[in-house]
């Protein structure tokens, strides 16, 4: 298995989980579920943000390595 696909799928899964939490928060019945899942949603948001920052930083370092 390629690590690129694994990383991409993991990040897409995190984003999908956050979008599901947003969708749950828009319905009255979803508020009850979201109350239980709120700590998990906060952790998912933090991990997604940190992963985005790390990947962006790695990309910038990678592209800077091609400067003359």
C-alpha atoms as a PDB file:
ATOM      1  CA  UNK A   1       0.000   0.000   0.000  1.00  0.00           C
ATOM      2  CA  UNK A   2       1.278   3.394  -0.877  1.00  0.00           C
ATOM      3  CA  UNK A   3       1.647   5.896   1.927  1.00  0.00           C
ATOM      4  CA  UNK A   4       0.349   8.713  -0.252  1.00  0.00           C
ATOM      5  CA  UNK A   5      -3.013   7.001  -0.649  1.00  0.00           C
ATOM      6  CA  UNK A   6      -3.144   6.175   3.034  1.00  0.00           C
ATOM      7  CA  UNK A   7      -2.507   9.781   4.041  1.00  0.00           C
ATOM      8  CA  UNK A   8      -5.015  11.102   1.515  1.00  0.00           C
ATOM      9  CA  UNK A   9      -7.704   8.655   2.630  1.00  0.00           C
ATOM     10  CA  UNK A  10      -7.054   9.458   6.294  1.00  0.00           C
ATOM     11  CA  UNK A  11      -7.403  13.195   5.702  1.00  0.00           C
ATOM     12  CA  UNK A  12     -10.530  12.719   3.602  1.00  0.00           C
ATOM     13  CA  UNK A  13     -12.002  10.584   6.379  1.00  0.00           C
ATOM     14  CA  UNK A  14     -11.323  13.323   8.927  1.00  0.00           C
ATOM     15  CA  UNK A  15     -12.932  15.929   6.713  1.00  0.00           C
ATOM     16  CA  UNK A  16     -15.949  13.676   6.123  1.00  0.00           C
ATOM     17  CA  UNK A  17     -16.363  13.166   9.874  1.00  0.00           C
ATOM     18  CA  UNK A  18     -16.276  16.914  10.459  1.00  0.00           C
ATOM     19  CA  UNK A  19     -18.821  17.511   7.703  1.00  0.00           C
ATOM     20  CA  UNK A  20     -21.066  14.865   9.262  1.00  0.00           C
ATOM     21  CA  UNK A  21     -20.823  16.685  12.591  1.00  0.00           C
ATOM     22  CA  UNK A  22     -21.802  19.941  10.895  1.00  0.00           C
ATOM     23  CA  UNK A  23     -24.754  18.203   9.239  1.00  0.00           C
ATOM     24  CA  UNK A  24     -25.815  16.776  12.603  1.00  0.00           C
ATOM     25  CA  UNK A  25     -25.721  20.200  14.198  1.00  0.00           C
ATOM     26  CA  UNK A  26     -28.250  21.550  11.689  1.00  0.00           C
ATOM     27  CA  UNK A  27     -31.048  19.184  12.734  1.00  0.00           C
ATOM     28  CA  UNK A  28     -32.859  19.265  16.091  1.00  0.00           C
ATOM     29  CA  UNK A  29     -32.506  15.496  16.565  1.00  0.00           C
ATOM     30  CA  UNK A  30     -28.822  15.691  15.668  1.00  0.00           C
ATOM     31  CA  UNK A  31     -28.118  18.027  18.581  1.00  0.00           C
ATOM     32  CA  UNK A  32     -28.629  15.133  21.018  1.00  0.00           C
ATOM     33  CA  UNK A  33     -26.057  13.004  19.198  1.00  0.00           C
ATOM     34  CA  UNK A  34     -23.682  15.886  18.787  1.00  0.00           C
ATOM     35  CA  UNK A  35     -23.713  16.562  22.527  1.00  0.00           C
ATOM     36  CA  UNK A  36     -22.307  13.089  23.091  1.00  0.00           C
ATOM     37  CA  UNK A  37     -19.828  13.351  20.219  1.00  0.00           C
ATOM     38  CA  UNK A  38     -18.631  16.886  20.946  1.00  0.00           C
ATOM     39  CA  UNK A  39     -15.269  15.901  22.517  1.00  0.00           C
ATOM     40  CA  UNK A  40     -14.542  13.645  19.553  1.00  0.00           C
ATOM     41  CA  UNK A  41     -15.474  16.393  17.090  1.00  0.00           C
ATOM     42  CA  UNK A  42     -13.098  18.816  18.807  1.00  0.00           C
ATOM     43  CA  UNK A  43     -10.259  16.293  18.607  1.00  0.00           C
ATOM     44  CA  UNK A  44     -11.019  15.580  14.942  1.00  0.00           C
ATOM     45  CA  UNK A  45     -11.011  19.287  14.143  1.00  0.00           C
ATOM     46  CA  UNK A  46      -7.692  19.783  15.921  1.00  0.00           C
ATOM     47  CA  UNK A  47      -6.069  16.787  14.223  1.00  0.00           C
ATOM     48  CA  UNK A  48      -7.347  17.898  10.816  1.00  0.00           C
ATOM     49  CA  UNK A  49      -6.020  21.413  11.313  1.00  0.00           C
ATOM     50  CA  UNK A  50      -2.621  20.207  12.510  1.00  0.00           C
ATOM     51  CA  UNK A  51      -2.355  17.733   9.629  1.00  0.00           C
ATOM     52  CA  UNK A  52      -3.181  20.507   7.164  1.00  0.00           C
ATOM     53  CA  UNK A  53      -0.529  22.753   8.720  1.00  0.00           C
ATOM     54  CA  UNK A  54       2.092  19.995   8.636  1.00  0.00           C
ATOM     55  CA  UNK A  55       1.341  19.030   5.051  1.00  0.00           C
ATOM     56  CA  UNK A  56       1.356  22.658   3.926  1.00  0.00           C
ATOM     57  CA  UNK A  57       4.665  23.250   5.709  1.00  0.00           C
ATOM     58  CA  UNK A  58       6.180  20.113   4.207  1.00  0.00           C
ATOM     59  CA  UNK A  59       5.033  21.198   0.750  1.00  0.00           C
ATOM     60  CA  UNK A  60       6.568  24.646   1.213  1.00  0.00           C
ATOM     61  CA  UNK A  61       9.863  23.157   2.382  1.00  0.00           C
ATOM     62  CA  UNK A  62       9.791  20.744  -0.558  1.00  0.00           C
ATOM     63  CA  UNK A  63       9.186  23.486  -3.105  1.00  0.00           C
ATOM     64  CA  UNK A  64      11.813  25.724  -1.503  1.00  0.00           C
ATOM     65  CA  UNK A  65      14.387  22.991  -2.023  1.00  0.00           C
ATOM     66  CA  UNK A  66      14.199  23.612  -5.803  1.00  0.00           C
ATOM     67  CA  UNK A  67      15.415  27.200  -5.514  1.00  0.00           C
ATOM     68  CA  UNK A  68      18.826  27.915  -6.947  1.00  0.00           C
END
